[in-house]
């Protein structure tokens, strides 16, 4: 059985372009709405001071996995094949656990250092 052909048809290109532009528009609108509710720029940067440690940890996980999952896992998979999948999974799980622990610690740091300055 032959692999399906992956051609960039005009419909596909238009659909992807519309999806990307729509995502950017929604993101910019959410940023402006959030900025209007903030008392100052610093207040807006720290998310109104009400973001908990779990959300902070998940934000760190998303940042950690964005580059690693795209390039690091692909490189390890290419280098070691299926036999190295345990390494990919272990590194990813350890990174996620580290980010969640750091999220808690970062939240405590923000509560001590930045929040008193915002009031």
C-alpha atoms as a PDB file:
ATOM      1  CA  UNK A   1       0.000   0.000   0.000  1.00  0.00           C
ATOM      2  CA  UNK A   2       1.457   3.332  -1.053  1.00  0.00           C
ATOM      3  CA  UNK A   3       1.634   6.289   1.291  1.00  0.00           C
ATOM      4  CA  UNK A   4      -0.862   9.055   0.566  1.00  0.00           C
ATOM      5  CA  UNK A   5       0.416  11.993  -1.434  1.00  0.00           C
ATOM      6  CA  UNK A   6       0.865  15.167   0.593  1.00  0.00           C
ATOM      7  CA  UNK A   7       0.391  18.009  -1.852  1.00  0.00           C
ATOM      8  CA  UNK A   8      -0.127  21.626  -0.935  1.00  0.00           C
ATOM      9  CA  UNK A   9      -3.388  22.237  -2.751  1.00  0.00           C
ATOM     10  CA  UNK A  10      -4.718  25.807  -2.985  1.00  0.00           C
ATOM     11  CA  UNK A  11      -7.590  24.902  -0.648  1.00  0.00           C
ATOM     12  CA  UNK A  12      -5.174  23.602   1.961  1.00  0.00           C
ATOM     13  CA  UNK A  13      -2.973  26.691   1.747  1.00  0.00           C
ATOM     14  CA  UNK A  14      -5.979  29.019   2.121  1.00  0.00           C
ATOM     15  CA  UNK A  15      -7.335  26.970   5.035  1.00  0.00           C
ATOM     16  CA  UNK A  16      -4.009  27.050   6.891  1.00  0.00           C
ATOM     17  CA  UNK A  17      -3.576  30.778   6.246  1.00  0.00           C
ATOM     18  CA  UNK A  18      -7.103  31.506   7.534  1.00  0.00           C
ATOM     19  CA  UNK A  19      -6.477  29.394  10.653  1.00  0.00           C
ATOM     20  CA  UNK A  20      -3.177  31.143  11.445  1.00  0.00           C
ATOM     21  CA  UNK A  21      -4.581  34.641  10.870  1.00  0.00           C
ATOM     22  CA  UNK A  22      -7.663  33.826  12.968  1.00  0.00           C
ATOM     23  CA  UNK A  23      -5.461  32.555  15.800  1.00  0.00           C
ATOM     24  CA  UNK A  24      -3.345  35.720  15.698  1.00  0.00           C
ATOM     25  CA  UNK A  25      -6.406  37.984  15.703  1.00  0.00           C
ATOM     26  CA  UNK A  26      -7.940  36.188  18.694  1.00  0.00           C
ATOM     27  CA  UNK A  27      -4.613  36.304  20.560  1.00  0.00           C
ATOM     28  CA  UNK A  28      -4.160  40.040  19.983  1.00  0.00           C
ATOM     29  CA  UNK A  29      -7.765  40.758  21.004  1.00  0.00           C
ATOM     30  CA  UNK A  30      -7.363  38.779  24.229  1.00  0.00           C
ATOM     31  CA  UNK A  31      -4.155  40.679  24.969  1.00  0.00           C
ATOM     32  CA  UNK A  32      -5.873  44.047  24.506  1.00  0.00           C
ATOM     33  CA  UNK A  33      -8.835  42.982  26.641  1.00  0.00           C
ATOM     34  CA  UNK A  34      -6.510  41.839  29.412  1.00  0.00           C
ATOM     35  CA  UNK A  35      -4.500  45.059  29.177  1.00  0.00           C
ATOM     36  CA  UNK A  36      -7.607  47.220  29.554  1.00  0.00           C
ATOM     37  CA  UNK A  37      -8.481  45.501  32.847  1.00  0.00           C
ATOM     38  CA  UNK A  38      -5.001  45.989  34.335  1.00  0.00           C
ATOM     39  CA  UNK A  39      -4.105  48.933  36.557  1.00  0.00           C
ATOM     40  CA  UNK A  40      -0.578  49.223  35.157  1.00  0.00           C
ATOM     41  CA  UNK A  41       1.726  47.510  32.699  1.00  0.00           C
ATOM     42  CA  UNK A  42       3.508  45.656  35.521  1.00  0.00           C
ATOM     43  CA  UNK A  43       0.147  44.483  36.854  1.00  0.00           C
ATOM     44  CA  UNK A  44      -0.719  43.145  33.398  1.00  0.00           C
ATOM     45  CA  UNK A  45       2.634  41.357  33.072  1.00  0.00           C
ATOM     46  CA  UNK A  46       2.097  39.294  36.223  1.00  0.00           C
ATOM     47  CA  UNK A  47      -1.476  38.381  35.309  1.00  0.00           C
ATOM     48  CA  UNK A  48      -3.223  40.560  37.885  1.00  0.00           C
ATOM     49  CA  UNK A  49      -1.398  38.637  40.610  1.00  0.00           C
ATOM     50  CA  UNK A  50      -4.098  35.960  40.790  1.00  0.00           C
ATOM     51  CA  UNK A  51      -2.563  33.161  38.723  1.00  0.00           C
ATOM     52  CA  UNK A  52      -2.012  30.112  40.898  1.00  0.00           C
ATOM     53  CA  UNK A  53       0.977  27.777  41.034  1.00  0.00           C
ATOM     54  CA  UNK A  54      -0.691  25.120  38.895  1.00  0.00           C
ATOM     55  CA  UNK A  55      -1.280  27.524  35.995  1.00  0.00           C
ATOM     56  CA  UNK A  56       2.258  28.873  36.371  1.00  0.00           C
ATOM     57  CA  UNK A  57       3.586  25.317  36.271  1.00  0.00           C
ATOM     58  CA  UNK A  58       1.561  24.440  33.185  1.00  0.00           C
ATOM     59  CA  UNK A  59       2.807  27.598  31.466  1.00  0.00           C
ATOM     60  CA  UNK A  60       6.358  26.446  32.178  1.00  0.00           C
ATOM     61  CA  UNK A  61       5.518  22.960  30.883  1.00  0.00           C
ATOM     62  CA  UNK A  62       4.160  24.454  27.655  1.00  0.00           C
ATOM     63  CA  UNK A  63       7.313  26.514  27.203  1.00  0.00           C
ATOM     64  CA  UNK A  64       9.558  23.562  28.008  1.00  0.00           C
ATOM     65  CA  UNK A  65       7.801  21.147  25.703  1.00  0.00           C
ATOM     66  CA  UNK A  66       7.370  23.533  22.794  1.00  0.00           C
ATOM     67  CA  UNK A  67      10.992  23.422  21.688  1.00  0.00           C
ATOM     68  CA  UNK A  68      11.865  20.074  23.188  1.00  0.00           C
ATOM     69  CA  UNK A  69       8.889  18.178  21.798  1.00  0.00           C
ATOM     70  CA  UNK A  70       9.344  19.640  18.339  1.00  0.00           C
ATOM     71  CA  UNK A  71      13.082  19.264  17.883  1.00  0.00           C
ATOM     72  CA  UNK A  72      14.611  17.330  20.755  1.00  0.00           C
ATOM     73  CA  UNK A  73      12.246  14.357  20.650  1.00  0.00           C
ATOM     74  CA  UNK A  74      12.462  14.176  16.878  1.00  0.00           C
ATOM     75  CA  UNK A  75      16.263  14.142  17.037  1.00  0.00           C
ATOM     76  CA  UNK A  76      16.342  11.490  19.741  1.00  0.00           C
ATOM     77  CA  UNK A  77      13.801   9.405  17.860  1.00  0.00           C
ATOM     78  CA  UNK A  78      15.876   9.631  14.705  1.00  0.00           C
ATOM     79  CA  UNK A  79      19.124   8.846  16.522  1.00  0.00           C
ATOM     80  CA  UNK A  80      17.894   5.943  18.680  1.00  0.00           C
ATOM     81  CA  UNK A  81      14.743   4.722  16.943  1.00  0.00           C
ATOM     82  CA  UNK A  82      11.993   2.889  18.809  1.00  0.00           C
ATOM     83  CA  UNK A  83      14.468   1.412  21.247  1.00  0.00           C
ATOM     84  CA  UNK A  84      15.194   4.904  22.578  1.00  0.00           C
ATOM     85  CA  UNK A  85      11.569   5.835  23.171  1.00  0.00           C
ATOM     86  CA  UNK A  86      11.972   5.139  26.900  1.00  0.00           C
ATOM     87  CA  UNK A  87      14.622   7.891  26.958  1.00  0.00           C
ATOM     88  CA  UNK A  88      12.306  10.367  25.237  1.00  0.00           C
ATOM     89  CA  UNK A  89       9.459   9.589  27.627  1.00  0.00           C
ATOM     90  CA  UNK A  90      11.642   9.733  30.727  1.00  0.00           C
ATOM     91  CA  UNK A  91      13.202  13.060  29.793  1.00  0.00           C
ATOM     92  CA  UNK A  92       9.787  14.537  28.987  1.00  0.00           C
ATOM     93  CA  UNK A  93       8.237  13.338  32.263  1.00  0.00           C
ATOM     94  CA  UNK A  94      11.175  14.603  34.313  1.00  0.00           C
ATOM     95  CA  UNK A  95      10.954  17.982  32.593  1.00  0.00           C
ATOM     96  CA  UNK A  96       7.217  18.222  33.246  1.00  0.00           C
ATOM     97  CA  UNK A  97       7.706  17.347  36.924  1.00  0.00           C
ATOM     98  CA  UNK A  98      10.482  19.921  37.211  1.00  0.00           C
ATOM     99  CA  UNK A  99       8.317  22.625  35.612  1.00  0.00           C
ATOM    100  CA  UNK A 100       5.414  21.915  37.963  1.00  0.00           C
ATOM    101  CA  UNK A 101       7.706  22.124  41.001  1.00  0.00           C
ATOM    102  CA  UNK A 102       9.248  25.330  39.664  1.00  0.00           C
ATOM    103  CA  UNK A 103       5.761  26.712  39.028  1.00  0.00           C
ATOM    104  CA  UNK A 104       4.985  26.433  42.723  1.00  0.00           C
ATOM    105  CA  UNK A 105       8.280  28.010  43.700  1.00  0.00           C
ATOM    106  CA  UNK A 106       7.935  30.803  41.135  1.00  0.00           C
ATOM    107  CA  UNK A 107       4.457  31.576  42.394  1.00  0.00           C
ATOM    108  CA  UNK A 108       5.771  31.878  45.942  1.00  0.00           C
ATOM    109  CA  UNK A 109       8.546  34.174  44.704  1.00  0.00           C
ATOM    110  CA  UNK A 110       6.070  36.402  42.848  1.00  0.00           C
ATOM    111  CA  UNK A 111       3.819  36.566  45.906  1.00  0.00           C
ATOM    112  CA  UNK A 112       6.742  37.731  48.055  1.00  0.00           C
ATOM    113  CA  UNK A 113       8.528  40.052  45.645  1.00  0.00           C
ATOM    114  CA  UNK A 114       6.172  41.500  43.048  1.00  0.00           C
ATOM    115  CA  UNK A 115       2.680  41.604  44.506  1.00  0.00           C
ATOM    116  CA  UNK A 116       3.443  44.119  47.302  1.00  0.00           C
ATOM    117  CA  UNK A 117       4.792  46.497  44.649  1.00  0.00           C
ATOM    118  CA  UNK A 118       1.550  46.299  42.658  1.00  0.00           C
ATOM    119  CA  UNK A 119      -0.753  47.417  45.450  1.00  0.00           C
END
